């Protein structure tokens, strides 16, 4: 009986880890043909400028408390938000946008609509297009089309 309980517990723990790791991201982004300097340049250009501000310190701490590490990209305008990039530049992991919710959200957060996920992904892909060659741009467009089709299909089922 102890052996059965041990094996069952181990299976549950390992299966939950894999599911959460794979499903908690907001979106997959194109990482094909990334240059060695691409992400460092993006992180430098979109870094958080006022890290001593107590509110911003709390936002950064909220990102650091998340289960998967990410590097934060800050957008000052339209809308202001912080986006956590993980998976070595292949995943949009987290987002903080005070207009959605005043805390960090991931892909499993019910507060984050499919249309917001597509908007966030499009925002990141728009930056990446400046660094990609033609093949990489094509891959990013295909990924974005798939995400948009999934969003449309979900909304069709709801209506």
N, C-alpha and C. Protein backbone atom coordinates (compact mmCIF):
# COMPACT_ATOMS: atom_id res chain seq x y z
N UNK A 1 0.82 -1.20 0.00
CA UNK A 1 0.00 0.00 0.00
C UNK A 1 0.87 1.27 0.00
N UNK A 2 1.96 1.26 0.81
CA UNK A 2 2.86 2.41 0.85
C UNK A 2 3.50 2.64 -0.51
N UNK A 3 3.88 1.55 -1.18
CA UNK A 3 4.48 1.66 -2.50
C UNK A 3 3.51 2.29 -3.48
N UNK A 4 2.26 1.85 -3.44
CA UNK A 4 1.23 2.41 -4.32
C UNK A 4 1.05 3.91 -4.08
N UNK A 5 0.94 4.32 -2.82
CA UNK A 5 0.77 5.73 -2.48
C UNK A 5 1.99 6.55 -2.91
N UNK A 6 3.18 6.02 -2.74
CA UNK A 6 4.40 6.72 -3.13
C UNK A 6 4.44 6.93 -4.64
N UNK A 7 4.14 5.86 -5.40
CA UNK A 7 4.16 5.96 -6.86
C UNK A 7 3.08 6.92 -7.34
N UNK A 8 1.88 6.84 -6.78
CA UNK A 8 0.78 7.73 -7.16
C UNK A 8 1.13 9.18 -6.88
N UNK A 9 1.67 9.44 -5.71
CA UNK A 9 2.06 10.81 -5.34
C UNK A 9 3.13 11.34 -6.29
N UNK A 10 4.12 10.51 -6.59
CA UNK A 10 5.19 10.94 -7.50
C UNK A 10 4.63 11.24 -8.89
N UNK A 11 3.75 10.39 -9.39
CA UNK A 11 3.14 10.64 -10.70
C UNK A 11 2.35 11.94 -10.72
N UNK A 12 1.60 12.19 -9.69
CA UNK A 12 0.80 13.43 -9.62
C UNK A 12 1.71 14.65 -9.60
N UNK A 13 2.75 14.59 -8.76
CA UNK A 13 3.66 15.74 -8.67
C UNK A 13 4.38 16.00 -9.99
N UNK A 14 4.90 14.95 -10.62
CA UNK A 14 5.62 15.14 -11.87
C UNK A 14 4.70 15.57 -13.00
N UNK A 15 3.49 15.03 -13.05
CA UNK A 15 2.58 15.41 -14.13
C UNK A 15 2.11 16.85 -13.97
N UNK A 16 1.87 17.29 -12.77
CA UNK A 16 1.45 18.68 -12.55
C UNK A 16 2.56 19.64 -12.92
N UNK A 17 3.80 19.28 -12.61
CA UNK A 17 4.91 20.17 -12.94
C UNK A 17 4.97 20.38 -14.45
N UNK A 18 4.89 19.34 -15.22
CA UNK A 18 4.98 19.45 -16.67
C UNK A 18 3.83 20.23 -17.25
N UNK A 19 2.62 20.00 -16.79
CA UNK A 19 1.46 20.70 -17.33
C UNK A 19 1.56 22.18 -17.04
N UNK A 20 1.88 22.54 -15.81
CA UNK A 20 1.96 23.96 -15.47
C UNK A 20 3.08 24.66 -16.22
N UNK A 21 4.21 23.99 -16.37
CA UNK A 21 5.33 24.61 -17.07
C UNK A 21 4.95 24.90 -18.52
N UNK A 22 4.26 23.98 -19.16
CA UNK A 22 3.95 24.14 -20.57
C UNK A 22 2.74 25.02 -20.83
N UNK A 23 1.85 25.14 -19.88
CA UNK A 23 0.60 25.86 -20.13
C UNK A 23 0.51 27.23 -19.47
N UNK A 24 1.44 27.57 -18.63
CA UNK A 24 1.30 28.82 -17.89
C UNK A 24 1.82 30.03 -18.65
N UNK A 25 2.48 29.84 -19.77
CA UNK A 25 2.96 30.99 -20.52
C UNK A 25 1.79 31.65 -21.26
N UNK A 26 1.98 32.89 -21.64
CA UNK A 26 0.96 33.64 -22.36
C UNK A 26 1.01 33.30 -23.84
N UNK A 27 2.21 33.21 -24.40
CA UNK A 27 2.34 32.92 -25.82
C UNK A 27 3.74 32.43 -26.15
N UNK A 28 3.82 31.70 -27.24
CA UNK A 28 5.10 31.32 -27.82
C UNK A 28 5.44 32.41 -28.83
N UNK A 29 6.69 32.83 -28.81
CA UNK A 29 7.12 33.81 -29.81
C UNK A 29 8.24 33.21 -30.64
N UNK A 30 8.39 33.71 -31.81
CA UNK A 30 9.39 33.17 -32.73
C UNK A 30 10.78 33.42 -32.19
N UNK A 31 11.58 32.36 -32.15
CA UNK A 31 12.96 32.52 -31.70
C UNK A 31 13.94 31.99 -32.75
N UNK A 32 13.43 31.73 -33.94
CA UNK A 32 14.27 31.21 -35.02
C UNK A 32 15.26 32.27 -35.47
N UNK A 33 16.47 31.84 -35.64
CA UNK A 33 17.51 32.71 -36.21
C UNK A 33 17.78 33.97 -35.39
N UNK A 34 17.62 33.89 -34.09
CA UNK A 34 17.95 35.03 -33.24
C UNK A 34 19.45 35.26 -33.27
N UNK A 35 19.86 36.50 -33.34
CA UNK A 35 21.28 36.80 -33.24
C UNK A 35 21.68 36.80 -31.76
N UNK A 36 22.96 36.68 -31.49
CA UNK A 36 23.44 36.68 -30.11
C UNK A 36 23.20 38.01 -29.41
N UNK A 37 23.07 39.06 -30.19
CA UNK A 37 22.91 40.39 -29.60
C UNK A 37 21.47 40.86 -29.56
N UNK A 38 20.55 40.12 -30.20
CA UNK A 38 19.17 40.58 -30.33
C UNK A 38 18.52 40.82 -28.97
N UNK A 39 18.43 39.79 -28.12
CA UNK A 39 17.74 39.97 -26.85
C UNK A 39 18.44 40.97 -25.93
N UNK A 40 19.76 40.93 -25.81
CA UNK A 40 20.40 41.97 -24.98
C UNK A 40 20.07 43.39 -25.46
N UNK A 41 20.02 43.60 -26.77
CA UNK A 41 19.66 44.92 -27.31
C UNK A 41 18.22 45.28 -26.96
N UNK A 42 17.32 44.32 -27.09
CA UNK A 42 15.91 44.57 -26.76
C UNK A 42 15.77 44.86 -25.27
N UNK A 43 16.41 44.04 -24.42
CA UNK A 43 16.33 44.26 -22.97
C UNK A 43 16.89 45.62 -22.58
N UNK A 44 17.94 46.05 -23.26
CA UNK A 44 18.51 47.37 -22.96
C UNK A 44 17.57 48.49 -23.40
N UNK A 45 17.01 48.35 -24.57
CA UNK A 45 16.12 49.39 -25.11
C UNK A 45 14.84 49.52 -24.29
N UNK A 46 14.31 48.40 -23.81
CA UNK A 46 13.02 48.40 -23.10
C UNK A 46 13.18 48.12 -21.61
N UNK A 47 14.32 48.51 -21.04
CA UNK A 47 14.54 48.27 -19.62
C UNK A 47 13.74 49.24 -18.77
N UNK A 48 13.52 48.84 -17.53
CA UNK A 48 12.82 49.68 -16.57
C UNK A 48 13.79 50.77 -16.13
N UNK A 49 13.35 52.01 -16.22
CA UNK A 49 14.25 53.13 -15.97
C UNK A 49 14.26 53.57 -14.50
N UNK A 50 13.12 53.58 -13.85
CA UNK A 50 13.03 54.11 -12.49
C UNK A 50 12.91 52.97 -11.48
N UNK A 51 13.97 52.15 -11.36
CA UNK A 51 13.91 50.97 -10.49
C UNK A 51 13.91 51.32 -9.00
N UNK A 52 14.17 52.56 -8.65
CA UNK A 52 14.15 52.96 -7.25
C UNK A 52 12.75 53.38 -6.78
N UNK A 53 11.83 53.58 -7.69
CA UNK A 53 10.46 53.93 -7.36
C UNK A 53 9.84 52.76 -6.58
N UNK A 54 9.25 53.01 -5.39
CA UNK A 54 8.70 51.93 -4.56
C UNK A 54 7.62 51.09 -5.28
N UNK A 55 6.78 51.73 -6.08
CA UNK A 55 5.75 50.99 -6.82
C UNK A 55 6.39 50.06 -7.85
N UNK A 56 7.39 50.55 -8.55
CA UNK A 56 8.08 49.74 -9.55
C UNK A 56 8.86 48.62 -8.87
N UNK A 57 9.46 48.90 -7.72
CA UNK A 57 10.16 47.85 -6.96
C UNK A 57 9.19 46.72 -6.62
N UNK A 58 7.98 47.06 -6.24
CA UNK A 58 6.97 46.04 -5.90
C UNK A 58 6.57 45.23 -7.13
N UNK A 59 6.43 45.89 -8.27
CA UNK A 59 6.10 45.18 -9.52
C UNK A 59 7.22 44.20 -9.87
N UNK A 60 8.47 44.65 -9.76
CA UNK A 60 9.61 43.78 -10.04
C UNK A 60 9.62 42.60 -9.08
N UNK A 61 9.35 42.86 -7.81
CA UNK A 61 9.30 41.78 -6.81
C UNK A 61 8.20 40.77 -7.15
N UNK A 62 7.07 41.27 -7.64
CA UNK A 62 5.98 40.39 -8.03
C UNK A 62 6.42 39.46 -9.17
N UNK A 63 7.16 39.99 -10.14
CA UNK A 63 7.71 39.15 -11.21
C UNK A 63 8.67 38.11 -10.64
N UNK A 64 9.52 38.53 -9.70
CA UNK A 64 10.52 37.62 -9.12
C UNK A 64 9.86 36.50 -8.30
N UNK A 65 8.66 36.73 -7.79
CA UNK A 65 7.96 35.70 -7.02
C UNK A 65 7.27 34.65 -7.90
N UNK A 66 7.24 34.87 -9.19
CA UNK A 66 6.59 33.93 -10.10
C UNK A 66 7.43 32.65 -10.20
N UNK A 67 6.78 31.53 -10.54
CA UNK A 67 7.49 30.25 -10.53
C UNK A 67 8.58 30.10 -11.60
N UNK A 68 8.49 30.81 -12.70
CA UNK A 68 9.48 30.69 -13.77
C UNK A 68 10.17 32.03 -13.95
N UNK A 69 11.47 31.99 -14.13
CA UNK A 69 12.21 33.23 -14.28
C UNK A 69 11.90 33.89 -15.62
N UNK A 70 12.00 35.19 -15.62
CA UNK A 70 11.77 35.96 -16.84
C UNK A 70 12.56 37.26 -16.75
N UNK A 71 12.78 37.85 -17.91
CA UNK A 71 13.40 39.16 -17.99
C UNK A 71 12.31 40.14 -18.39
N UNK A 72 12.23 41.26 -17.69
CA UNK A 72 11.12 42.19 -17.87
C UNK A 72 11.44 43.21 -18.96
N UNK A 73 10.48 43.38 -19.84
CA UNK A 73 10.51 44.44 -20.84
C UNK A 73 9.45 45.45 -20.44
N UNK A 74 9.81 46.72 -20.46
CA UNK A 74 8.89 47.78 -20.03
C UNK A 74 8.44 48.61 -21.22
N UNK A 75 7.14 48.79 -21.32
CA UNK A 75 6.55 49.66 -22.34
C UNK A 75 5.91 50.83 -21.62
N UNK A 76 6.38 52.01 -21.93
CA UNK A 76 5.88 53.22 -21.27
C UNK A 76 4.55 53.68 -21.85
N UNK A 77 4.38 53.46 -23.14
CA UNK A 77 3.19 53.99 -23.81
C UNK A 77 2.33 52.88 -24.41
N UNK A 78 1.08 53.17 -24.53
CA UNK A 78 0.07 52.51 -25.33
C UNK A 78 -0.12 51.03 -25.30
N UNK A 79 -0.57 50.40 -24.29
CA UNK A 79 -0.70 50.78 -22.88
C UNK A 79 0.60 50.52 -22.11
N UNK A 80 0.75 51.22 -21.00
CA UNK A 80 1.91 50.99 -20.15
C UNK A 80 1.81 49.59 -19.56
N UNK A 81 2.88 48.80 -19.73
CA UNK A 81 2.88 47.46 -19.15
C UNK A 81 4.29 46.90 -19.07
N UNK A 82 4.41 45.89 -18.25
CA UNK A 82 5.65 45.16 -18.05
C UNK A 82 5.41 43.74 -18.55
N UNK A 83 6.29 43.24 -19.39
CA UNK A 83 6.12 41.91 -19.96
C UNK A 83 7.35 41.08 -19.63
N UNK A 84 7.12 39.90 -19.04
CA UNK A 84 8.20 39.00 -18.68
C UNK A 84 8.47 38.01 -19.81
N UNK A 85 9.69 38.02 -20.33
CA UNK A 85 10.09 37.11 -21.40
C UNK A 85 10.91 35.98 -20.78
N UNK A 86 10.54 34.74 -21.08
CA UNK A 86 11.24 33.58 -20.54
C UNK A 86 11.60 32.61 -21.64
N UNK A 87 12.04 31.43 -21.21
CA UNK A 87 12.36 30.39 -22.17
C UNK A 87 13.42 30.80 -23.15
N UNK A 88 14.42 31.56 -22.68
CA UNK A 88 15.51 32.05 -23.53
C UNK A 88 14.99 32.82 -24.75
N UNK A 89 13.97 33.60 -24.52
CA UNK A 89 13.44 34.45 -25.59
C UNK A 89 12.38 33.79 -26.45
N UNK A 90 11.84 32.66 -26.01
CA UNK A 90 10.84 31.98 -26.83
C UNK A 90 9.43 32.04 -26.26
N UNK A 91 9.27 32.60 -25.06
CA UNK A 91 7.96 32.65 -24.42
C UNK A 91 7.64 34.02 -23.85
N UNK A 92 6.41 34.45 -24.01
CA UNK A 92 5.89 35.55 -23.21
C UNK A 92 5.34 34.87 -21.97
N UNK A 93 6.00 35.06 -20.85
CA UNK A 93 5.67 34.35 -19.61
C UNK A 93 4.61 35.08 -18.78
N UNK A 94 4.85 36.39 -18.56
CA UNK A 94 4.01 37.14 -17.62
C UNK A 94 3.75 38.55 -18.16
N UNK A 95 2.72 39.17 -17.57
CA UNK A 95 2.43 40.56 -17.90
C UNK A 95 1.89 41.26 -16.65
N UNK A 96 2.29 42.52 -16.51
CA UNK A 96 1.69 43.40 -15.51
C UNK A 96 1.17 44.61 -16.26
N UNK A 97 -0.12 44.82 -16.16
CA UNK A 97 -0.77 45.97 -16.77
C UNK A 97 -1.85 46.41 -15.80
N UNK A 98 -1.65 47.55 -15.16
CA UNK A 98 -2.58 47.99 -14.11
C UNK A 98 -4.00 48.19 -14.64
N UNK A 99 -4.15 48.36 -15.95
CA UNK A 99 -5.49 48.51 -16.52
C UNK A 99 -6.23 47.18 -16.61
N UNK A 100 -5.48 46.08 -16.57
CA UNK A 100 -6.11 44.75 -16.55
C UNK A 100 -6.30 44.31 -15.11
N UNK A 101 -5.21 44.21 -14.36
CA UNK A 101 -5.21 43.88 -12.94
C UNK A 101 -3.93 44.44 -12.32
N UNK A 102 -3.97 44.81 -11.03
CA UNK A 102 -2.78 45.40 -10.40
C UNK A 102 -1.81 44.35 -9.85
N UNK A 103 -1.59 43.27 -10.58
CA UNK A 103 -0.62 42.26 -10.21
C UNK A 103 -0.21 41.49 -11.47
N UNK A 104 0.84 40.70 -11.35
CA UNK A 104 1.37 39.96 -12.49
C UNK A 104 0.44 38.81 -12.86
N UNK A 105 0.18 38.68 -14.16
CA UNK A 105 -0.68 37.63 -14.69
C UNK A 105 0.14 36.69 -15.56
N UNK A 106 -0.32 35.44 -15.65
CA UNK A 106 0.29 34.50 -16.58
C UNK A 106 -0.79 33.98 -17.52
N UNK A 107 -0.45 33.03 -18.37
CA UNK A 107 -1.38 32.53 -19.37
C UNK A 107 -2.58 31.79 -18.80
N UNK A 108 -2.51 31.36 -17.54
CA UNK A 108 -3.62 30.67 -16.91
C UNK A 108 -4.56 31.64 -16.18
N UNK A 109 -4.17 32.88 -16.07
CA UNK A 109 -4.98 33.88 -15.36
C UNK A 109 -6.28 34.15 -16.12
N UNK A 110 -7.40 33.98 -15.44
CA UNK A 110 -8.69 34.19 -16.09
C UNK A 110 -8.93 35.66 -16.42
N UNK A 111 -8.21 36.55 -15.76
CA UNK A 111 -8.36 37.98 -16.01
C UNK A 111 -7.76 38.40 -17.34
N UNK A 112 -6.93 37.55 -17.91
CA UNK A 112 -6.24 37.87 -19.16
C UNK A 112 -6.99 37.22 -20.32
N UNK A 113 -7.69 38.03 -21.08
CA UNK A 113 -8.50 37.51 -22.19
C UNK A 113 -7.62 37.06 -23.34
N UNK A 114 -8.21 36.26 -24.22
CA UNK A 114 -7.48 35.81 -25.41
C UNK A 114 -7.08 36.99 -26.28
N UNK A 115 -7.95 37.99 -26.37
CA UNK A 115 -7.61 39.15 -27.21
C UNK A 115 -6.43 39.92 -26.61
N UNK A 116 -6.32 39.98 -25.28
CA UNK A 116 -5.17 40.62 -24.65
C UNK A 116 -3.90 39.81 -24.91
N UNK A 117 -4.01 38.48 -24.87
CA UNK A 117 -2.85 37.63 -25.15
C UNK A 117 -2.34 37.88 -26.58
N UNK A 118 -3.27 37.97 -27.52
CA UNK A 118 -2.88 38.23 -28.91
C UNK A 118 -2.26 39.62 -29.04
N UNK A 119 -2.83 40.61 -28.36
CA UNK A 119 -2.29 41.97 -28.40
C UNK A 119 -0.86 42.00 -27.85
N UNK A 120 -0.63 41.35 -26.73
CA UNK A 120 0.69 41.32 -26.10
C UNK A 120 1.69 40.62 -27.02
N UNK A 121 1.29 39.49 -27.59
CA UNK A 121 2.16 38.76 -28.50
C UNK A 121 2.49 39.59 -29.73
N UNK A 122 1.50 40.27 -30.26
CA UNK A 122 1.73 41.13 -31.42
C UNK A 122 2.71 42.24 -31.09
N UNK A 123 2.61 42.76 -29.88
CA UNK A 123 3.50 43.82 -29.44
C UNK A 123 4.96 43.34 -29.42
N UNK A 124 5.17 42.15 -28.89
CA UNK A 124 6.52 41.60 -28.85
C UNK A 124 7.00 41.27 -30.26
N UNK A 125 6.15 40.66 -31.06
CA UNK A 125 6.54 40.32 -32.43
C UNK A 125 6.88 41.56 -33.25
N UNK A 126 6.20 42.66 -33.00
CA UNK A 126 6.50 43.91 -33.72
C UNK A 126 7.94 44.36 -33.43
N UNK A 127 8.39 44.17 -32.21
CA UNK A 127 9.77 44.50 -31.87
C UNK A 127 10.73 43.53 -32.56
N UNK A 128 10.40 42.25 -32.49
CA UNK A 128 11.28 41.23 -33.05
C UNK A 128 11.46 41.38 -34.55
N UNK A 129 10.43 41.85 -35.25
CA UNK A 129 10.52 42.02 -36.70
C UNK A 129 11.71 42.89 -37.10
N UNK A 130 12.06 43.83 -36.23
CA UNK A 130 13.20 44.71 -36.53
C UNK A 130 14.53 43.97 -36.50
N UNK A 131 14.57 42.81 -35.85
CA UNK A 131 15.81 42.06 -35.68
C UNK A 131 15.86 40.80 -36.54
N UNK A 132 14.73 40.40 -37.09
CA UNK A 132 14.65 39.14 -37.83
C UNK A 132 15.02 39.30 -39.29
N UNK A 133 15.50 38.20 -39.85
CA UNK A 133 15.65 38.13 -41.29
C UNK A 133 14.29 37.71 -41.88
N UNK A 134 14.20 37.58 -43.17
CA UNK A 134 12.91 37.30 -43.83
C UNK A 134 12.30 35.97 -43.39
N UNK A 135 13.11 34.92 -43.25
CA UNK A 135 12.59 33.61 -42.82
C UNK A 135 12.01 33.68 -41.41
N UNK A 136 12.70 34.37 -40.52
CA UNK A 136 12.23 34.50 -39.15
C UNK A 136 10.93 35.31 -39.08
N UNK A 137 10.82 36.33 -39.91
CA UNK A 137 9.58 37.11 -39.95
C UNK A 137 8.43 36.23 -40.40
N UNK A 138 8.68 35.39 -41.37
CA UNK A 138 7.65 34.48 -41.87
C UNK A 138 7.20 33.54 -40.75
N UNK A 139 8.15 32.99 -39.99
CA UNK A 139 7.81 32.09 -38.88
C UNK A 139 6.97 32.82 -37.83
N UNK A 140 7.36 34.05 -37.49
CA UNK A 140 6.61 34.82 -36.50
C UNK A 140 5.19 35.10 -36.97
N UNK A 141 5.01 35.38 -38.24
CA UNK A 141 3.67 35.62 -38.79
C UNK A 141 2.83 34.35 -38.70
N UNK A 142 3.43 33.21 -39.00
CA UNK A 142 2.70 31.95 -38.91
C UNK A 142 2.25 31.69 -37.47
N UNK A 143 3.16 31.88 -36.50
CA UNK A 143 2.79 31.69 -35.10
C UNK A 143 1.66 32.63 -34.69
N UNK A 144 1.74 33.88 -35.09
CA UNK A 144 0.71 34.85 -34.74
C UNK A 144 -0.62 34.48 -35.39
N UNK A 145 -0.59 34.03 -36.63
CA UNK A 145 -1.82 33.59 -37.30
C UNK A 145 -2.46 32.42 -36.58
N UNK A 146 -1.66 31.47 -36.13
CA UNK A 146 -2.19 30.32 -35.38
C UNK A 146 -2.85 30.80 -34.11
N UNK A 147 -2.20 31.71 -33.38
CA UNK A 147 -2.78 32.23 -32.14
C UNK A 147 -4.07 33.00 -32.41
N UNK A 148 -4.11 33.77 -33.47
CA UNK A 148 -5.33 34.51 -33.82
C UNK A 148 -6.44 33.54 -34.21
N UNK A 149 -6.11 32.50 -34.97
CA UNK A 149 -7.12 31.50 -35.35
C UNK A 149 -7.68 30.79 -34.13
N UNK A 150 -6.81 30.46 -33.15
CA UNK A 150 -7.27 29.82 -31.92
C UNK A 150 -8.22 30.75 -31.16
N UNK A 151 -7.86 32.03 -31.11
CA UNK A 151 -8.70 33.02 -30.44
C UNK A 151 -10.07 33.11 -31.12
N UNK A 152 -10.08 33.19 -32.45
CA UNK A 152 -11.34 33.27 -33.19
C UNK A 152 -12.19 32.02 -33.00
N UNK A 153 -11.54 30.86 -33.00
CA UNK A 153 -12.26 29.60 -32.82
C UNK A 153 -12.89 29.52 -31.43
N UNK A 154 -12.17 29.93 -30.41
CA UNK A 154 -12.72 29.94 -29.04
C UNK A 154 -13.92 30.87 -28.96
N UNK A 155 -13.81 32.05 -29.59
CA UNK A 155 -14.92 33.01 -29.51
C UNK A 155 -16.11 32.52 -30.33
N UNK A 156 -15.86 31.80 -31.40
CA UNK A 156 -16.96 31.25 -32.20
C UNK A 156 -17.75 30.23 -31.37
N UNK A 157 -17.02 29.41 -30.58
CA UNK A 157 -17.66 28.41 -29.73
C UNK A 157 -18.48 29.05 -28.63
N UNK A 158 -18.05 30.21 -28.12
CA UNK A 158 -18.75 30.91 -27.05
C UNK A 158 -20.06 31.51 -27.54
N UNK A 159 -20.11 31.92 -28.81
CA UNK A 159 -21.30 32.60 -29.34
C UNK A 159 -22.31 31.65 -29.87
